[in-house]
């Protein structure tokens, strides 16, 4: 493992890329359009996820016909050797279809994480913005923040039944919205706090690009204090990109 020299306090860590065959241990519904699936197996003995927005490559099938999609490790229990991944069931993609029918005993392959962006938890403030695809990372991040931490959370979900309670000890200002335009409006209405803070944003490509422009070009947030990612792209499939 090696650590790049970060521009800010954020550290980028590289991991040895490994492919692991894992088995479904349990499946649980979350809201109307999510499945929380717990995986296990001896291949997870040295699994490590250092950051709340890490990604593993979830692989269905073999060879050139295999489907590969990125998913956030929602949690990992090294003592039990259990990895939890949350799947959004929106659309008709192959991974969503698989998750909708997943049963204990089924086996799949995962790869990675191949790297982690470690964002310190001791910032004076945190901004977390996302849509349904960002919910696992947002949930994990809020559980990591210490008592006394302050976070503004803006999340877009199409169905109010998919809104969830977040665990954690930080002070959270939570805003649920139903449309991309409402998400951007909420970011525009947000006031950039004084002090040392960090913004994390993930969701649909065009929407997250607009959010990043608002935060950096309009509100003046330093580029080293934001992580913006496109977890998917309207009209595309298998899309994932960091927005600079």
C-alpha atoms as a PDB file:
ATOM      1  CA  UNK A   1       0.000   0.000   0.000  1.00  0.00           C
ATOM      2  CA  UNK A   2       1.314   3.463  -0.814  1.00  0.00           C
ATOM      3  CA  UNK A   3       0.133   6.968   0.034  1.00  0.00           C
ATOM      4  CA  UNK A   4       0.271   9.807  -2.480  1.00  0.00           C
ATOM      5  CA  UNK A   5       1.209  13.276  -1.257  1.00  0.00           C
ATOM      6  CA  UNK A   6      -2.134  15.051  -0.788  1.00  0.00           C
ATOM      7  CA  UNK A   7      -2.785  18.661  -1.665  1.00  0.00           C
ATOM      8  CA  UNK A   8      -4.869  19.026   1.488  1.00  0.00           C
ATOM      9  CA  UNK A   9      -5.377  16.866   4.581  1.00  0.00           C
ATOM     10  CA  UNK A  10      -7.156  14.339   2.401  1.00  0.00           C
ATOM     11  CA  UNK A  11      -5.062  11.242   1.718  1.00  0.00           C
ATOM     12  CA  UNK A  12      -5.280   8.948  -1.291  1.00  0.00           C
ATOM     13  CA  UNK A  13      -4.342   5.373  -0.456  1.00  0.00           C
ATOM     14  CA  UNK A  14      -3.733   2.590  -2.981  1.00  0.00           C
ATOM     15  CA  UNK A  15      -4.523  -1.055  -2.294  1.00  0.00           C
ATOM     16  CA  UNK A  16      -3.501  -4.263  -3.996  1.00  0.00           C
ATOM     17  CA  UNK A  17      -6.332  -5.165  -6.353  1.00  0.00           C
ATOM     18  CA  UNK A  18      -7.851  -8.543  -5.514  1.00  0.00           C
ATOM     19  CA  UNK A  19     -10.760 -10.476  -6.947  1.00  0.00           C
ATOM     20  CA  UNK A  20     -12.857 -12.353  -4.401  1.00  0.00           C
ATOM     21  CA  UNK A  21     -15.665 -14.877  -4.701  1.00  0.00           C
ATOM     22  CA  UNK A  22     -18.260 -14.230  -2.026  1.00  0.00           C
ATOM     23  CA  UNK A  23     -21.547 -15.802  -0.976  1.00  0.00           C
ATOM     24  CA  UNK A  24     -24.857 -14.169  -0.094  1.00  0.00           C
ATOM     25  CA  UNK A  25     -25.560 -14.656   3.610  1.00  0.00           C
ATOM     26  CA  UNK A  26     -28.715 -12.580   4.010  1.00  0.00           C
ATOM     27  CA  UNK A  27     -30.966 -10.124   2.176  1.00  0.00           C
ATOM     28  CA  UNK A  28     -32.955  -7.301   3.773  1.00  0.00           C
ATOM     29  CA  UNK A  29     -35.306  -4.758   2.218  1.00  0.00           C
ATOM     30  CA  UNK A  30     -34.695  -1.068   2.954  1.00  0.00           C
ATOM     31  CA  UNK A  31     -37.520   1.248   1.979  1.00  0.00           C
ATOM     32  CA  UNK A  32     -39.239   0.570  -1.314  1.00  0.00           C
ATOM     33  CA  UNK A  33     -36.306   0.412  -3.715  1.00  0.00           C
ATOM     34  CA  UNK A  34     -33.272  -0.834  -1.820  1.00  0.00           C
ATOM     35  CA  UNK A  35     -31.870  -4.214  -0.803  1.00  0.00           C
ATOM     36  CA  UNK A  36     -29.170  -4.587   1.827  1.00  0.00           C
ATOM     37  CA  UNK A  37     -27.217  -7.749   1.032  1.00  0.00           C
ATOM     38  CA  UNK A  38     -24.653  -9.289   3.388  1.00  0.00           C
ATOM     39  CA  UNK A  39     -21.835 -11.306   1.821  1.00  0.00           C
ATOM     40  CA  UNK A  40     -19.367 -13.660   3.436  1.00  0.00           C
ATOM     41  CA  UNK A  41     -16.693 -16.214   2.603  1.00  0.00           C
ATOM     42  CA  UNK A  42     -13.034 -16.955   3.282  1.00  0.00           C
ATOM     43  CA  UNK A  43     -11.930 -14.656   0.434  1.00  0.00           C
ATOM     44  CA  UNK A  44     -12.875 -11.687   2.648  1.00  0.00           C
ATOM     45  CA  UNK A  45     -10.254 -12.530   5.292  1.00  0.00           C
ATOM     46  CA  UNK A  46      -8.011  -9.641   4.192  1.00  0.00           C
ATOM     47  CA  UNK A  47     -10.676  -7.299   2.826  1.00  0.00           C
ATOM     48  CA  UNK A  48     -10.204  -3.671   3.835  1.00  0.00           C
ATOM     49  CA  UNK A  49     -12.269  -0.550   3.174  1.00  0.00           C
ATOM     50  CA  UNK A  50     -10.561   2.594   4.464  1.00  0.00           C
ATOM     51  CA  UNK A  51     -13.040   5.248   3.299  1.00  0.00           C
ATOM     52  CA  UNK A  52     -16.790   5.765   3.406  1.00  0.00           C
ATOM     53  CA  UNK A  53     -16.965   6.245  -0.376  1.00  0.00           C
ATOM     54  CA  UNK A  54     -14.782   3.313  -1.403  1.00  0.00           C
ATOM     55  CA  UNK A  55     -15.985   1.216  -4.322  1.00  0.00           C
ATOM     56  CA  UNK A  56     -15.831  -2.451  -5.090  1.00  0.00           C
ATOM     57  CA  UNK A  57     -16.411  -3.807  -8.562  1.00  0.00           C
ATOM     58  CA  UNK A  58     -19.452  -6.091  -8.454  1.00  0.00           C
ATOM     59  CA  UNK A  59     -19.159  -8.689 -11.219  1.00  0.00           C
ATOM     60  CA  UNK A  60     -21.894 -10.855 -12.684  1.00  0.00           C
ATOM     61  CA  UNK A  61     -20.986 -13.523 -15.249  1.00  0.00           C
ATOM     62  CA  UNK A  62     -17.651 -14.409 -16.809  1.00  0.00           C
ATOM     63  CA  UNK A  63     -15.286 -13.208 -19.500  1.00  0.00           C
ATOM     64  CA  UNK A  64     -16.300 -10.643 -22.097  1.00  0.00           C
ATOM     65  CA  UNK A  65     -19.982 -11.035 -21.207  1.00  0.00           C
ATOM     66  CA  UNK A  66     -19.469 -10.169 -17.537  1.00  0.00           C
ATOM     67  CA  UNK A  67     -21.315  -7.166 -16.128  1.00  0.00           C
ATOM     68  CA  UNK A  68     -19.237  -4.908 -13.875  1.00  0.00           C
ATOM     69  CA  UNK A  69     -20.659  -2.153 -11.707  1.00  0.00           C
ATOM     70  CA  UNK A  70     -19.273  -0.041  -8.844  1.00  0.00           C
ATOM     71  CA  UNK A  71     -20.846  -0.267  -5.389  1.00  0.00           C
ATOM     72  CA  UNK A  72     -20.008   1.268  -2.027  1.00  0.00           C
ATOM     73  CA  UNK A  73     -19.116  -1.112   0.819  1.00  0.00           C
ATOM     74  CA  UNK A  74     -21.815  -0.030   3.276  1.00  0.00           C
ATOM     75  CA  UNK A  75     -19.999  -1.775   6.113  1.00  0.00           C
ATOM     76  CA  UNK A  76     -17.483  -4.507   6.769  1.00  0.00           C
ATOM     77  CA  UNK A  77     -17.134  -6.521   9.959  1.00  0.00           C
ATOM     78  CA  UNK A  78     -13.623  -8.017   9.948  1.00  0.00           C
ATOM     79  CA  UNK A  79     -14.319 -10.206  12.988  1.00  0.00           C
ATOM     80  CA  UNK A  80     -17.345 -11.829  11.345  1.00  0.00           C
ATOM     81  CA  UNK A  81     -15.939 -11.536   7.827  1.00  0.00           C
ATOM     82  CA  UNK A  82     -19.174  -9.964   6.586  1.00  0.00           C
ATOM     83  CA  UNK A  83     -19.476  -7.302   3.885  1.00  0.00           C
ATOM     84  CA  UNK A  84     -22.725  -5.343   3.406  1.00  0.00           C
ATOM     85  CA  UNK A  85     -23.632  -3.700   0.097  1.00  0.00           C
ATOM     86  CA  UNK A  86     -26.838  -1.760  -0.579  1.00  0.00           C
ATOM     87  CA  UNK A  87     -28.392  -2.064  -4.038  1.00  0.00           C
ATOM     88  CA  UNK A  88     -30.809   0.463  -5.487  1.00  0.00           C
ATOM     89  CA  UNK A  89     -33.554  -1.313  -7.435  1.00  0.00           C
ATOM     90  CA  UNK A  90     -34.427   1.585  -9.750  1.00  0.00           C
ATOM     91  CA  UNK A  91     -34.416   0.838 -13.471  1.00  0.00           C
ATOM     92  CA  UNK A  92     -33.927  -2.480 -15.217  1.00  0.00           C
ATOM     93  CA  UNK A  93     -30.149  -2.904 -15.013  1.00  0.00           C
ATOM     94  CA  UNK A  94     -28.650  -6.378 -14.576  1.00  0.00           C
ATOM     95  CA  UNK A  95     -27.262  -5.744 -11.082  1.00  0.00           C
ATOM     96  CA  UNK A  96     -30.565  -4.295  -9.839  1.00  0.00           C
ATOM     97  CA  UNK A  97     -32.366  -7.301 -11.326  1.00  0.00           C
ATOM     98  CA  UNK A  98     -29.923  -9.649  -9.613  1.00  0.00           C
ATOM     99  CA  UNK A  99     -30.331  -7.902  -6.248  1.00  0.00           C
ATOM    100  CA  UNK A 100     -34.127  -8.087  -6.517  1.00  0.00           C
ATOM    101  CA  UNK A 101     -33.966 -11.890  -6.679  1.00  0.00           C
ATOM    102  CA  UNK A 102     -30.853 -12.492  -4.513  1.00  0.00           C
ATOM    103  CA  UNK A 103     -31.052 -15.401  -2.068  1.00  0.00           C
ATOM    104  CA  UNK A 104     -28.642 -16.825   0.542  1.00  0.00           C
ATOM    105  CA  UNK A 105     -26.178 -19.247  -0.981  1.00  0.00           C
ATOM    106  CA  UNK A 106     -25.755 -17.454  -4.308  1.00  0.00           C
ATOM    107  CA  UNK A 107     -22.173 -16.591  -5.248  1.00  0.00           C
ATOM    108  CA  UNK A 108     -20.733 -13.589  -7.061  1.00  0.00           C
ATOM    109  CA  UNK A 109     -17.331 -11.990  -7.570  1.00  0.00           C
ATOM    110  CA  UNK A 110     -16.159  -8.635  -6.248  1.00  0.00           C
ATOM    111  CA  UNK A 111     -12.937  -6.768  -6.962  1.00  0.00           C
ATOM    112  CA  UNK A 112     -11.198  -4.115  -4.887  1.00  0.00           C
ATOM    113  CA  UNK A 113     -11.311  -1.562  -3.451  1.00  0.00           C
ATOM    114  CA  UNK A 114      -8.232  -0.552  -5.406  1.00  0.00           C
ATOM    115  CA  UNK A 115      -7.933   2.762  -3.602  1.00  0.00           C
ATOM    116  CA  UNK A 116      -9.382   4.964  -0.878  1.00  0.00           C
ATOM    117  CA  UNK A 117      -9.735   8.714  -0.494  1.00  0.00           C
ATOM    118  CA  UNK A 118      -9.484   9.230   3.259  1.00  0.00           C
ATOM    119  CA  UNK A 119     -11.285  12.416   4.282  1.00  0.00           C
ATOM    120  CA  UNK A 120     -10.638  13.379   7.927  1.00  0.00           C
ATOM    121  CA  UNK A 121     -13.643  13.435  10.257  1.00  0.00           C
ATOM    122  CA  UNK A 122     -12.443  16.429  12.313  1.00  0.00           C
ATOM    123  CA  UNK A 123     -13.422  19.204   9.877  1.00  0.00           C
ATOM    124  CA  UNK A 124     -15.439  22.012  11.463  1.00  0.00           C
ATOM    125  CA  UNK A 125     -18.275  21.324   9.030  1.00  0.00           C
ATOM    126  CA  UNK A 126     -19.260  18.746   6.428  1.00  0.00           C
ATOM    127  CA  UNK A 127     -21.591  18.989   3.429  1.00  0.00           C
ATOM    128  CA  UNK A 128     -22.958  15.724   2.012  1.00  0.00           C
ATOM    129  CA  UNK A 129     -24.983  15.898  -1.205  1.00  0.00           C
ATOM    130  CA  UNK A 130     -26.320  12.985  -3.230  1.00  0.00           C
ATOM    131  CA  UNK A 131     -29.160  11.017  -4.750  1.00  0.00           C
ATOM    132  CA  UNK A 132     -30.213   7.420  -4.103  1.00  0.00           C
ATOM    133  CA  UNK A 133     -26.863   6.090  -5.304  1.00  0.00           C
ATOM    134  CA  UNK A 134     -25.044   8.184  -2.701  1.00  0.00           C
ATOM    135  CA  UNK A 135     -27.136   7.013   0.253  1.00  0.00           C
ATOM    136  CA  UNK A 136     -24.839   4.137   1.313  1.00  0.00           C
ATOM    137  CA  UNK A 137     -21.794   6.413   1.465  1.00  0.00           C
ATOM    138  CA  UNK A 138     -23.723   9.200   3.229  1.00  0.00           C
ATOM    139  CA  UNK A 139     -25.079   6.731   5.785  1.00  0.00           C
ATOM    140  CA  UNK A 140     -21.619   5.360   6.470  1.00  0.00           C
ATOM    141  CA  UNK A 141     -20.068   8.818   6.728  1.00  0.00           C
ATOM    142  CA  UNK A 142     -22.596  10.048   9.279  1.00  0.00           C
ATOM    143  CA  UNK A 143     -21.902   6.998  11.432  1.00  0.00           C
ATOM    144  CA  UNK A 144     -18.177   7.862  11.356  1.00  0.00           C
ATOM    145  CA  UNK A 145     -18.451  11.534  12.355  1.00  0.00           C
ATOM    146  CA  UNK A 146     -17.608  12.222  16.002  1.00  0.00           C
ATOM    147  CA  UNK A 147     -19.826  13.825  18.650  1.00  0.00           C
ATOM    148  CA  UNK A 148     -19.773  17.575  18.121  1.00  0.00           C
ATOM    149  CA  UNK A 149     -19.351  17.242  14.372  1.00  0.00           C
ATOM    150  CA  UNK A 150     -21.640  19.302  12.133  1.00  0.00           C
ATOM    151  CA  UNK A 151     -23.036  18.082   8.834  1.00  0.00           C
ATOM    152  CA  UNK A 152     -25.516  19.434   6.310  1.00  0.00           C
ATOM    153  CA  UNK A 153     -27.061  16.601   4.297  1.00  0.00           C
ATOM    154  CA  UNK A 154     -29.028  17.147   1.071  1.00  0.00           C
ATOM    155  CA  UNK A 155     -30.424  13.985  -0.514  1.00  0.00           C
ATOM    156  CA  UNK A 156     -32.716  13.443  -3.489  1.00  0.00           C
ATOM    157  CA  UNK A 157     -34.913  10.347  -3.577  1.00  0.00           C
ATOM    158  CA  UNK A 158     -37.734   9.818  -6.064  1.00  0.00           C
ATOM    159  CA  UNK A 159     -39.948   7.938  -3.599  1.00  0.00           C
ATOM    160  CA  UNK A 160     -40.522   9.316  -0.095  1.00  0.00           C
ATOM    161  CA  UNK A 161     -40.699   5.708   1.119  1.00  0.00           C
ATOM    162  CA  UNK A 162     -36.950   5.474   0.493  1.00  0.00           C
ATOM    163  CA  UNK A 163     -36.141   8.184   3.020  1.00  0.00           C
ATOM    164  CA  UNK A 164     -34.320   6.702   5.974  1.00  0.00           C
ATOM    165  CA  UNK A 165     -33.181   7.500   9.483  1.00  0.00           C
ATOM    166  CA  UNK A 166     -29.439   8.080   9.773  1.00  0.00           C
ATOM    167  CA  UNK A 167     -27.419   6.819  12.705  1.00  0.00           C
ATOM    168  CA  UNK A 168     -24.516   8.731  14.216  1.00  0.00           C
ATOM    169  CA  UNK A 169     -23.525  11.265  16.838  1.00  0.00           C
ATOM    170  CA  UNK A 170     -22.950  14.384  14.746  1.00  0.00           C
ATOM    171  CA  UNK A 171     -25.321  17.344  14.584  1.00  0.00           C
ATOM    172  CA  UNK A 172     -27.131  16.923  11.250  1.00  0.00           C
ATOM    173  CA  UNK A 173     -29.147  19.447   9.241  1.00  0.00           C
ATOM    174  CA  UNK A 174     -31.059  17.118   6.917  1.00  0.00           C
ATOM    175  CA  UNK A 175     -32.876  18.105   3.713  1.00  0.00           C
ATOM    176  CA  UNK A 176     -34.814  15.561   1.614  1.00  0.00           C
ATOM    177  CA  UNK A 177     -35.815  16.561  -1.928  1.00  0.00           C
ATOM    178  CA  UNK A 178     -37.604  14.734  -4.749  1.00  0.00           C
ATOM    179  CA  UNK A 179     -36.141  16.248  -7.931  1.00  0.00           C
ATOM    180  CA  UNK A 180     -32.727  17.212  -9.303  1.00  0.00           C
ATOM    181  CA  UNK A 181     -33.786  20.848  -9.597  1.00  0.00           C
ATOM    182  CA  UNK A 182     -34.777  20.849  -5.918  1.00  0.00           C
ATOM    183  CA  UNK A 183     -31.407  19.365  -4.954  1.00  0.00           C
ATOM    184  CA  UNK A 184     -29.545  22.105  -6.827  1.00  0.00           C
ATOM    185  CA  UNK A 185     -31.819  24.764  -5.322  1.00  0.00           C
ATOM    186  CA  UNK A 186     -31.074  23.449  -1.828  1.00  0.00           C
ATOM    187  CA  UNK A 187     -27.341  23.677  -2.519  1.00  0.00           C
ATOM    188  CA  UNK A 188     -27.807  27.218  -3.851  1.00  0.00           C
ATOM    189  CA  UNK A 189     -29.673  28.161  -0.668  1.00  0.00           C
ATOM    190  CA  UNK A 190     -26.957  26.709   1.553  1.00  0.00           C
ATOM    191  CA  UNK A 191     -24.585  29.241   3.091  1.00  0.00           C
ATOM    192  CA  UNK A 192     -20.895  28.390   3.016  1.00  0.00           C
ATOM    193  CA  UNK A 193     -19.864  28.297   6.688  1.00  0.00           C
ATOM    194  CA  UNK A 194     -16.748  29.880   8.092  1.00  0.00           C
ATOM    195  CA  UNK A 195     -13.946  27.585   9.129  1.00  0.00           C
ATOM    196  CA  UNK A 196     -12.304  24.468   7.768  1.00  0.00           C
ATOM    197  CA  UNK A 197     -14.818  22.208   6.038  1.00  0.00           C
ATOM    198  CA  UNK A 198     -15.304  19.671   3.281  1.00  0.00           C
ATOM    199  CA  UNK A 199     -18.029  18.986   0.710  1.00  0.00           C
ATOM    200  CA  UNK A 200     -18.759  15.510  -0.656  1.00  0.00           C
ATOM    201  CA  UNK A 201     -21.181  15.123  -3.569  1.00  0.00           C
ATOM    202  CA  UNK A 202     -22.185  12.057  -5.592  1.00  0.00           C
ATOM    203  CA  UNK A 203     -25.011  11.157  -7.949  1.00  0.00           C
ATOM    204  CA  UNK A 204     -26.064  11.703 -11.569  1.00  0.00           C
ATOM    205  CA  UNK A 205     -23.307  13.216 -13.722  1.00  0.00           C
ATOM    206  CA  UNK A 206     -24.965  16.411 -14.975  1.00  0.00           C
ATOM    207  CA  UNK A 207     -26.544  17.195 -11.613  1.00  0.00           C
ATOM    208  CA  UNK A 208     -23.303  16.705  -9.687  1.00  0.00           C
ATOM    209  CA  UNK A 209     -21.411  18.829 -12.203  1.00  0.00           C
ATOM    210  CA  UNK A 210     -23.928  21.625 -11.591  1.00  0.00           C
ATOM    211  CA  UNK A 211     -23.589  21.187  -7.818  1.00  0.00           C
ATOM    212  CA  UNK A 212     -19.815  21.384  -8.058  1.00  0.00           C
ATOM    213  CA  UNK A 213     -19.974  24.552 -10.189  1.00  0.00           C
ATOM    214  CA  UNK A 214     -22.278  26.163  -7.649  1.00  0.00           C
ATOM    215  CA  UNK A 215     -20.004  25.329  -4.728  1.00  0.00           C
ATOM    216  CA  UNK A 216     -16.682  26.198  -6.374  1.00  0.00           C
ATOM    217  CA  UNK A 217     -17.460  28.933  -8.899  1.00  0.00           C
ATOM    218  CA  UNK A 218     -20.349  30.684  -7.161  1.00  0.00           C
ATOM    219  CA  UNK A 219     -19.809  30.121  -3.443  1.00  0.00           C
ATOM    220  CA  UNK A 220     -16.015  30.107  -3.652  1.00  0.00           C
ATOM    221  CA  UNK A 221     -15.295  26.759  -2.020  1.00  0.00           C
ATOM    222  CA  UNK A 222     -11.658  25.808  -2.540  1.00  0.00           C
ATOM    223  CA  UNK A 223     -11.193  22.971  -5.033  1.00  0.00           C
ATOM    224  CA  UNK A 224      -9.155  21.038  -2.475  1.00  0.00           C
ATOM    225  CA  UNK A 225     -12.155  21.033  -0.127  1.00  0.00           C
ATOM    226  CA  UNK A 226     -14.590  19.162  -2.373  1.00  0.00           C
ATOM    227  CA  UNK A 227     -14.987  15.654  -3.716  1.00  0.00           C
ATOM    228  CA  UNK A 228     -17.594  15.425  -6.493  1.00  0.00           C
ATOM    229  CA  UNK A 229     -18.318  12.178  -8.314  1.00  0.00           C
ATOM    230  CA  UNK A 230     -20.693  10.975 -11.007  1.00  0.00           C
ATOM    231  CA  UNK A 231     -22.016   7.592  -9.895  1.00  0.00           C
ATOM    232  CA  UNK A 232     -24.186   7.300 -13.005  1.00  0.00           C
ATOM    233  CA  UNK A 233     -25.178   9.202 -16.127  1.00  0.00           C
ATOM    234  CA  UNK A 234     -28.671   9.731 -17.454  1.00  0.00           C
ATOM    235  CA  UNK A 235     -29.012   7.624 -20.591  1.00  0.00           C
ATOM    236  CA  UNK A 236     -25.815   5.650 -19.938  1.00  0.00           C
ATOM    237  CA  UNK A 237     -24.838   2.456 -18.129  1.00  0.00           C
ATOM    238  CA  UNK A 238     -21.846   1.468 -16.034  1.00  0.00           C
ATOM    239  CA  UNK A 239     -20.735   5.110 -15.765  1.00  0.00           C
ATOM    240  CA  UNK A 240     -18.519   6.336 -12.925  1.00  0.00           C
ATOM    241  CA  UNK A 241     -16.260   9.387 -12.954  1.00  0.00           C
ATOM    242  CA  UNK A 242     -14.649  11.891 -10.629  1.00  0.00           C
ATOM    243  CA  UNK A 243     -15.537  15.491 -11.469  1.00  0.00           C
ATOM    244  CA  UNK A 244     -12.711  18.008 -11.475  1.00  0.00           C
END
